[in-house]
Amino acid sequence: MQIYLDYSATTPTRPEAIAIMQTVLTQEWGNPSSLHEWGQRAATIVEQARLQVAGLINAAQAESIIFTSGGTEADNQAIMGVARLYTVPQHIIISNVEHSAISETVKLLEMQGWEVTRLAVDGKGRVNPLDLTTALRRNTVLVSIIYGQSEVGTLQPIVELGNIARSHGVLFHTDAVQVVGRLPINVQTLPVDLLSISSHKLYGPLGAGALYVRPGVEIAPLIYGGGQEMGQRSGTQPVPAIAGFGVAAELAAQELASETPRLIKLRDRLFDLLADVPGLIVTGDRDRRLPHHVSFCLEYADGENKSGKTLVRQLNQAGIGISAGAACRSGKLSPSPILLAMGYSQKAALGGIRMTLGRYTTEADIDWTAMVLKQVLQRLSPDLSLA
């Protein structure tokens, strides 16, 4: 029995996306920058996909969608695109639970003289909007707060945070990679200026993503060259990947109303089945969280023998794919920086695990996973009494 529960890492490319990619690869292989018929057919495919992605987040203008190679590039383009507008370093605000595509990019700016404020989070991983108000300065030019945290599933109060930034005339970006396609997003009412999307998180192909740029917002390009993507992202567009992304986005929009509540029901079932396991602590906000996301940490984690990585390996042997938060560098486990930022101990931060559900997850998968995880935990700690 094979059960994949790592949909936050990547999703299987859906057949409809594969079909359009095959058509483009075999029949519509023109360069979309070319003026002849072959090129213009390819350009039409790119623009159709732009409309489809714009539709998923209810963007009024398709030109607000800038295609990228994925969520990481979209995050980089948002941060650096604003920063490059200034000849003198300014001030940026992020949270201390951002994806590395944000946190590492901001570290680079810091080395170049930029001031950075990292907002603390509470034990559930949420930013207090009052802290944002306090952190804003006269030279603050950008606030970037992740919408749905990939490791612990917590949803940030994006509307409140965005309104605070807007009331102070500061640009607001959110990494919505884990949210787009899983929760409804309407950028016409959501107070964000920049928003990152990734194709392979919503059953599209790897290698495609997008940055939404609100009309009237100016950012500098990250990549220079032929001026593709309205001059914001030069380079010949990967038409097959973009086409697959577009189809996946359109289908995600159609399925939101049915798929989101289904995932929430499965998510809550898994939480409930594991609620009585000693030493297994829910991480993140239990209620205000991504609809497909379940995460825990081992209270009694002690390193290599009892860690999140151990559970990943043990469940993999049982045919179940999950992920862990602690990183392994140079042969040594490092505690999850996200869990540390949330106030967990060094030991507990070694024991984080994440199980993320998707369109192929069934109730039987949930029940089997809960049973197997309990058995694995019992073997690791025979002294624990597991129901």
Protein backbone atom coordinates (compact mmCIF):
# COMPACT_ATOMS: atom_id res chain seq x y z
CA MET A 1 0.00 0.00 0.00
CA GLN A 2 1.44 3.35 -1.09
CA ILE A 3 0.17 6.56 0.52
CA TYR A 4 1.59 9.93 -0.46
CA LEU A 5 1.13 12.59 2.22
CA ASP A 6 3.62 15.25 1.14
CA TYR A 7 1.44 17.44 -1.08
CA SER A 8 2.97 20.61 0.37
CA ALA A 9 6.32 19.54 -1.09
CA THR A 10 4.88 18.87 -4.53
CA THR A 11 1.73 17.55 -6.15
CA PRO A 12 1.44 15.02 -8.99
CA THR A 13 0.91 16.74 -12.31
CA ARG A 14 -2.71 16.21 -13.25
CA PRO A 15 -3.51 14.43 -16.54
CA GLU A 16 -5.19 17.47 -18.08
CA ALA A 17 -2.03 19.52 -17.58
CA ILE A 18 0.13 16.76 -19.03
CA ALA A 19 -2.15 16.54 -22.07
CA ILE A 20 -1.84 20.23 -22.94
CA MET A 21 1.92 20.08 -22.39
CA GLN A 22 2.21 17.16 -24.80
CA THR A 23 0.21 19.10 -27.39
CA VAL A 24 2.44 22.14 -27.04
CA LEU A 25 5.64 20.08 -27.17
CA THR A 26 4.61 18.24 -30.32
CA GLN A 27 2.49 20.78 -32.21
CA GLU A 28 2.88 24.31 -30.83
CA TRP A 29 6.62 24.53 -30.25
CA GLY A 30 7.14 28.06 -31.59
CA ASN A 31 8.96 30.85 -29.79
CA PRO A 32 6.25 33.18 -28.42
CA SER A 33 8.42 36.21 -29.19
CA SER A 34 8.47 35.40 -32.92
CA LEU A 35 6.14 37.37 -35.17
CA HIS A 36 5.32 34.56 -37.59
CA GLU A 37 2.40 32.15 -37.27
CA TRP A 38 4.29 29.55 -35.24
CA GLY A 39 5.41 32.13 -32.73
CA GLN A 40 2.02 33.78 -32.47
CA ARG A 41 0.29 30.48 -31.78
CA ALA A 42 2.72 29.91 -28.92
CA ALA A 43 2.14 33.47 -27.66
CA THR A 44 -1.60 32.84 -27.65
CA ILE A 45 -1.07 29.78 -25.45
CA VAL A 46 0.98 31.84 -22.98
CA GLU A 47 -1.69 34.54 -22.82
CA GLN A 48 -4.44 31.97 -22.35
CA ALA A 49 -2.52 30.54 -19.38
CA ARG A 50 -2.07 34.06 -18.01
CA LEU A 51 -5.84 34.49 -18.07
CA GLN A 52 -6.31 31.14 -16.33
CA VAL A 53 -3.86 31.94 -13.52
CA ALA A 54 -5.34 35.43 -13.15
CA GLY A 55 -8.77 33.84 -12.86
CA LEU A 56 -7.67 31.61 -10.00
CA ILE A 57 -6.89 34.66 -7.81
CA ASN A 58 -9.53 36.91 -9.42
CA ALA A 59 -7.02 39.38 -10.81
CA ALA A 60 -8.81 42.03 -12.87
CA GLN A 61 -5.99 42.29 -15.40
CA ALA A 62 -4.19 39.25 -16.80
CA GLU A 63 -1.09 41.43 -17.29
CA SER A 64 -0.74 41.47 -13.50
CA ILE A 65 0.58 37.90 -13.75
CA ILE A 66 4.33 37.65 -14.37
CA PHE A 67 5.40 34.08 -15.13
CA THR A 68 8.48 32.81 -13.30
CA SER A 69 10.27 29.49 -12.84
CA GLY A 70 8.42 28.87 -9.57
CA GLY A 71 7.62 30.21 -6.12
CA THR A 72 11.25 30.83 -5.15
CA GLU A 73 11.87 33.09 -8.11
CA ALA A 74 8.56 34.86 -7.52
CA ASP A 75 9.59 35.55 -3.90
CA ASN A 76 13.01 36.76 -5.00
CA GLN A 77 11.49 38.99 -7.65
CA ALA A 78 9.11 40.54 -5.13
CA ILE A 79 11.86 41.34 -2.62
CA MET A 80 14.64 42.32 -5.01
CA GLY A 81 12.25 43.98 -7.44
CA VAL A 82 11.31 46.49 -4.74
CA ALA A 83 14.83 46.79 -3.32
CA ARG A 84 16.40 47.59 -6.68
CA LEU A 85 14.24 50.68 -6.97
CA TYR A 86 16.35 52.34 -4.27
CA THR A 87 19.93 53.56 -4.53
CA VAL A 88 20.14 53.93 -0.75
CA PRO A 89 19.28 50.95 1.54
CA GLN A 90 15.88 51.19 3.21
CA HIS A 91 13.89 49.09 5.73
CA ILE A 92 12.03 45.81 5.13
CA ILE A 93 9.80 43.84 7.50
CA ILE A 94 9.30 40.07 7.38
CA SER A 95 8.26 37.44 9.93
CA ASN A 96 10.66 34.98 11.53
CA VAL A 97 8.75 32.02 10.02
CA GLU A 98 9.23 32.88 6.36
CA HIS A 99 10.20 30.39 3.68
CA SER A 100 13.92 30.45 2.93
CA ALA A 101 13.18 32.05 -0.45
CA ILE A 102 12.30 35.16 1.55
CA SER A 103 14.57 34.87 4.59
CA GLU A 104 17.74 34.14 2.60
CA THR A 105 17.03 36.91 0.09
CA VAL A 106 16.56 39.39 2.91
CA LYS A 107 19.85 38.27 4.48
CA LEU A 108 21.57 39.27 1.24
CA LEU A 109 19.99 42.72 1.40
CA GLU A 110 21.09 43.02 5.02
CA MET A 111 24.68 42.44 3.93
CA GLN A 112 24.21 45.32 1.51
CA GLY A 113 23.17 47.70 4.28
CA TRP A 114 19.41 47.25 4.36
CA GLU A 115 17.65 47.29 7.72
CA VAL A 116 15.46 44.26 8.41
CA THR A 117 12.89 43.71 11.14
CA ARG A 118 11.81 40.11 11.74
CA LEU A 119 8.48 39.98 13.52
CA ALA A 120 8.16 37.38 16.26
CA VAL A 121 5.29 34.88 16.24
CA ASP A 122 3.34 33.30 19.06
CA GLY A 123 3.38 29.62 20.01
CA LYS A 124 1.01 28.86 17.13
CA GLY A 125 3.17 30.64 14.57
CA ARG A 126 1.01 33.74 14.09
CA VAL A 127 2.18 37.32 13.80
CA ASN A 128 0.52 39.88 16.07
CA PRO A 129 -0.69 42.74 13.82
CA LEU A 130 0.14 45.22 16.60
CA ASP A 131 3.79 44.21 16.24
CA LEU A 132 3.68 45.19 12.58
CA THR A 133 2.26 48.60 13.44
CA THR A 134 5.05 49.13 15.96
CA ALA A 135 7.77 47.97 13.55
CA LEU A 136 6.86 50.31 10.68
CA ARG A 137 9.27 53.18 10.10
CA ARG A 138 9.42 56.20 7.85
CA ASN A 139 11.83 54.33 5.55
CA THR A 140 9.93 51.03 5.47
CA VAL A 141 9.36 50.18 1.79
CA LEU A 142 8.10 46.58 1.93
CA VAL A 143 6.40 44.15 4.28
CA SER A 144 6.52 40.45 3.32
CA ILE A 145 4.56 37.95 5.43
CA ILE A 146 3.93 34.35 4.41
CA TYR A 147 0.22 33.55 3.96
CA GLY A 148 0.24 29.86 4.94
CA GLN A 149 3.33 28.49 6.69
CA SER A 150 4.46 25.35 4.90
CA GLU A 151 5.94 23.53 7.90
CA VAL A 152 3.28 24.11 10.57
CA GLY A 153 0.28 25.09 8.45
CA THR A 154 -0.60 28.33 10.25
CA LEU A 155 -2.51 30.96 8.30
CA GLN A 156 -1.46 34.53 9.01
CA PRO A 157 -3.98 37.40 9.46
CA ILE A 158 -3.11 38.65 5.98
CA VAL A 159 -6.09 40.97 5.61
CA GLU A 160 -5.30 42.81 8.84
CA LEU A 161 -1.56 42.89 8.14
CA GLY A 162 -2.07 44.09 4.60
CA ASN A 163 -4.45 46.83 5.69
CA ILE A 164 -1.90 48.08 8.22
CA ALA A 165 0.82 48.25 5.57
CA ARG A 166 -1.54 49.95 3.12
CA SER A 167 -2.63 52.56 5.66
CA HIS A 168 1.03 53.53 6.01
CA GLY A 169 1.69 53.59 2.27
CA VAL A 170 3.98 50.54 2.41
CA LEU A 171 3.98 47.79 -0.21
CA PHE A 172 2.79 44.39 1.03
CA HIS A 173 3.90 41.01 -0.37
CA THR A 174 2.75 37.56 0.62
CA ASP A 175 4.16 34.16 -0.28
CA ALA A 176 0.87 32.39 -1.04
CA VAL A 177 2.44 29.27 -2.55
CA GLN A 178 0.72 26.93 -0.07
CA VAL A 179 -2.61 28.77 -0.23
CA VAL A 180 -3.35 29.39 -3.91
CA GLY A 181 -5.49 26.55 -5.24
CA ARG A 182 -6.41 25.43 -1.72
CA LEU A 183 -8.30 28.45 -0.39
CA PRO A 184 -10.19 31.14 -2.33
CA ILE A 185 -8.13 34.25 -3.06
CA ASN A 186 -9.49 37.48 -4.47
CA VAL A 187 -6.70 40.00 -5.04
CA GLN A 188 -9.25 42.68 -5.88
CA THR A 189 -10.26 42.74 -2.21
CA LEU A 190 -7.21 41.22 -0.52
CA PRO A 191 -4.88 44.09 0.52
CA VAL A 192 -1.73 42.74 -1.12
CA ASP A 193 0.44 44.37 -3.77
CA LEU A 194 2.57 41.34 -4.64
CA LEU A 195 1.68 37.65 -4.32
CA SER A 196 3.72 34.53 -5.15
CA ILE A 197 2.29 31.37 -6.74
CA SER A 198 3.81 28.00 -7.67
CA SER A 199 2.48 25.64 -10.33
CA HIS A 200 3.64 22.36 -8.82
CA LYS A 201 1.77 23.02 -5.56
CA LEU A 202 -1.57 22.94 -7.41
CA TYR A 203 -1.11 19.90 -9.70
CA GLY A 204 0.69 21.77 -12.46
CA PRO A 205 4.21 21.01 -13.70
CA LEU A 206 7.46 21.80 -11.94
CA GLY A 207 9.38 24.77 -13.31
CA ALA A 208 6.55 27.30 -13.54
CA GLY A 209 5.23 29.91 -11.15
CA ALA A 210 3.99 33.47 -11.08
CA LEU A 211 4.21 36.76 -9.27
CA TYR A 212 1.04 38.82 -9.12
CA VAL A 213 1.83 42.54 -9.29
CA ARG A 214 -1.03 44.87 -8.47
CA PRO A 215 -1.67 47.38 -11.31
CA GLY A 216 0.23 50.59 -10.65
CA VAL A 217 2.88 48.92 -8.49
CA GLU A 218 6.41 49.34 -9.83
CA ILE A 219 9.16 46.77 -9.36
CA ALA A 220 12.53 46.36 -11.06
CA PRO A 221 13.24 43.24 -13.15
CA LEU A 222 15.25 40.40 -11.66
CA ILE A 223 16.38 39.03 -15.05
CA TYR A 224 17.35 41.26 -17.97
CA GLY A 225 17.40 40.49 -21.66
CA GLY A 226 14.72 40.45 -24.33
CA GLY A 227 12.01 42.09 -22.28
CA GLN A 228 9.53 39.25 -22.11
CA GLU A 229 6.76 39.22 -19.48
CA MET A 230 6.01 42.92 -19.87
CA GLY A 231 9.70 43.65 -19.35
CA GLN A 232 9.66 42.11 -15.87
CA ARG A 233 11.19 38.70 -16.57
CA SER A 234 13.32 38.33 -19.67
CA GLY A 235 13.95 34.98 -21.32
CA THR A 236 11.98 32.83 -23.73
CA GLN A 237 8.95 31.55 -21.87
CA PRO A 238 8.71 27.77 -21.24
CA VAL A 239 5.43 27.47 -23.13
CA PRO A 240 4.66 23.81 -22.27
CA ALA A 241 5.10 24.37 -18.52
CA ILE A 242 3.13 27.61 -18.60
CA ALA A 243 0.32 25.91 -20.53
CA GLY A 244 0.18 23.11 -17.97
CA PHE A 245 0.20 25.66 -15.16
CA GLY A 246 -2.73 27.48 -16.74
CA VAL A 247 -4.86 24.36 -17.08
CA ALA A 248 -4.08 23.29 -13.52
CA ALA A 249 -5.02 26.78 -12.26
CA GLU A 250 -8.33 26.78 -14.09
CA LEU A 251 -9.26 23.34 -12.78
CA ALA A 252 -8.20 24.29 -9.24
CA ALA A 253 -10.57 27.25 -9.39
CA GLN A 254 -13.42 25.00 -10.51
CA GLU A 255 -12.78 22.44 -7.76
CA LEU A 256 -12.18 24.75 -4.78
CA ALA A 257 -15.76 24.66 -3.53
CA SER A 258 -15.76 20.87 -3.22
CA GLU A 259 -12.10 20.02 -2.59
CA THR A 260 -11.36 22.44 0.24
CA PRO A 261 -14.08 21.15 2.62
CA ARG A 262 -13.15 17.57 1.74
CA LEU A 263 -9.54 18.20 2.71
CA ILE A 264 -10.55 19.95 5.93
CA LYS A 265 -12.64 16.92 6.91
CA LEU A 266 -9.73 14.54 6.26
CA ARG A 267 -7.28 16.84 8.03
CA ASP A 268 -9.43 17.01 11.13
CA ARG A 269 -9.97 13.26 11.09
CA LEU A 270 -6.22 12.67 11.17
CA PHE A 271 -5.79 15.16 14.00
CA ASP A 272 -8.56 13.44 15.96
CA LEU A 273 -7.16 9.95 15.41
CA LEU A 274 -3.80 11.05 16.82
CA ALA A 275 -5.11 13.31 19.56
CA ASP A 276 -4.52 10.78 22.36
CA VAL A 277 -0.92 9.89 21.47
CA PRO A 278 1.40 10.82 24.38
CA GLY A 279 4.29 13.08 23.46
CA LEU A 280 2.88 13.96 20.03
CA ILE A 281 2.19 17.70 20.08
CA VAL A 282 0.19 19.58 17.45
CA THR A 283 2.28 22.37 15.91
CA GLY A 284 0.80 25.48 14.36
CA ASP A 285 -2.69 26.87 14.79
CA ARG A 286 -5.12 23.95 15.03
CA ASP A 287 -8.02 25.91 13.54
CA ARG A 288 -6.55 28.79 11.50
CA ARG A 289 -4.48 26.59 9.25
CA LEU A 290 -4.13 25.33 5.71
CA PRO A 291 -7.00 22.96 4.84
CA HIS A 292 -4.74 20.07 3.86
CA HIS A 293 -2.09 20.38 6.55
CA VAL A 294 -1.37 18.25 9.65
CA SER A 295 1.78 18.73 11.73
CA PHE A 296 3.20 17.53 15.04
CA CYS A 297 6.42 17.40 16.95
CA LEU A 298 7.80 14.71 19.25
CA GLU A 299 8.04 16.05 22.76
CA TYR A 300 10.63 13.37 23.57
CA ALA A 301 12.80 13.81 20.45
CA ASP A 302 16.44 13.17 21.33
CA GLY A 303 18.31 13.30 18.05
CA GLU A 304 18.91 10.71 15.36
CA ASN A 305 17.10 7.83 17.10
CA LYS A 306 13.94 9.74 17.97
CA SER A 307 13.40 12.60 15.56
CA GLY A 308 11.14 13.73 12.78
CA LYS A 309 13.63 12.30 10.29
CA THR A 310 13.34 8.94 12.04
CA LEU A 311 9.58 8.96 11.59
CA VAL A 312 9.93 9.91 7.92
CA ARG A 313 12.21 6.91 7.33
CA GLN A 314 10.03 4.53 9.33
CA LEU A 315 6.83 5.53 7.55
CA ASN A 316 8.59 5.41 4.20
CA GLN A 317 9.43 1.77 4.87
CA ALA A 318 5.71 1.25 5.45
CA GLY A 319 4.89 2.88 2.11
CA ILE A 320 3.79 6.25 3.50
CA GLY A 321 5.41 9.49 2.39
CA ILE A 322 5.56 12.36 4.90
CA SER A 323 8.16 15.04 5.65
CA ALA A 324 10.13 16.43 8.60
CA GLY A 325 11.07 19.95 9.63
CA ALA A 326 14.54 19.40 11.10
CA ALA A 327 17.35 19.63 8.57
CA CYS A 328 20.35 17.35 8.24
CA ARG A 329 23.58 19.20 7.51
CA SER A 330 27.07 17.67 7.49
CA GLY A 331 25.71 14.49 9.05
CA LYS A 332 24.18 16.30 12.01
CA LEU A 333 20.53 17.07 12.62
CA SER A 334 19.66 20.74 13.03
CA PRO A 335 16.45 21.71 14.81
CA SER A 336 13.72 23.33 12.75
CA PRO A 337 14.19 27.12 12.78
CA ILE A 338 10.43 27.52 12.42
CA LEU A 339 9.71 25.53 15.59
CA LEU A 340 12.49 27.33 17.44
CA ALA A 341 10.96 30.67 16.42
CA MET A 342 7.65 29.45 17.84
CA GLY A 343 9.25 28.78 21.22
CA TYR A 344 9.83 25.02 21.08
CA SER A 345 12.89 23.54 22.78
CA GLN A 346 15.92 22.41 20.79
CA LYS A 347 14.93 18.78 21.38
CA ALA A 348 11.30 19.20 20.41
CA ALA A 349 12.35 21.15 17.29
CA LEU A 350 14.19 18.04 16.10
CA GLY A 351 10.94 16.08 16.19
CA GLY A 352 8.73 17.97 13.77
CA ILE A 353 6.73 16.05 11.16
CA ARG A 354 4.28 17.17 8.50
CA MET A 355 1.55 15.22 6.73
CA THR A 356 -0.13 17.09 3.88
CA LEU A 357 -3.15 15.79 2.01
CA GLY A 358 -4.31 16.14 -1.56
CA ARG A 359 -6.82 15.27 -4.22
CA TYR A 360 -5.93 11.57 -4.18
CA THR A 361 -6.03 11.19 -0.37
CA THR A 362 -8.87 9.02 0.96
CA GLU A 363 -10.37 8.39 4.38
CA ALA A 364 -8.86 4.90 4.28
CA ASP A 365 -5.42 6.49 3.75
CA ILE A 366 -5.94 8.63 6.84
CA ASP A 367 -7.02 5.71 9.02
CA TRP A 368 -4.13 3.51 7.87
CA THR A 369 -1.56 6.27 8.37
CA ALA A 370 -2.76 6.95 11.91
CA MET A 371 -2.52 3.26 12.78
CA VAL A 372 0.96 2.87 11.30
CA LEU A 373 2.26 6.03 12.97
CA LYS A 374 1.04 4.81 16.35
CA GLN A 375 2.82 1.50 15.80
CA VAL A 376 6.05 3.26 14.84
CA LEU A 377 5.88 5.51 17.90
CA GLN A 378 5.27 2.49 20.11
CA ARG A 379 8.39 0.79 18.74
CA LEU A 380 10.47 3.92 19.26
CA SER A 381 9.24 4.40 22.82
CA PRO A 382 7.89 1.13 24.26
CA ASP A 383 7.33 2.81 27.63
CA LEU A 384 4.59 5.00 26.13
CA SER A 385 1.03 3.78 26.37
CA LEU A 386 -0.59 4.34 22.97
CA ALA A 387 -4.26 3.76 22.32
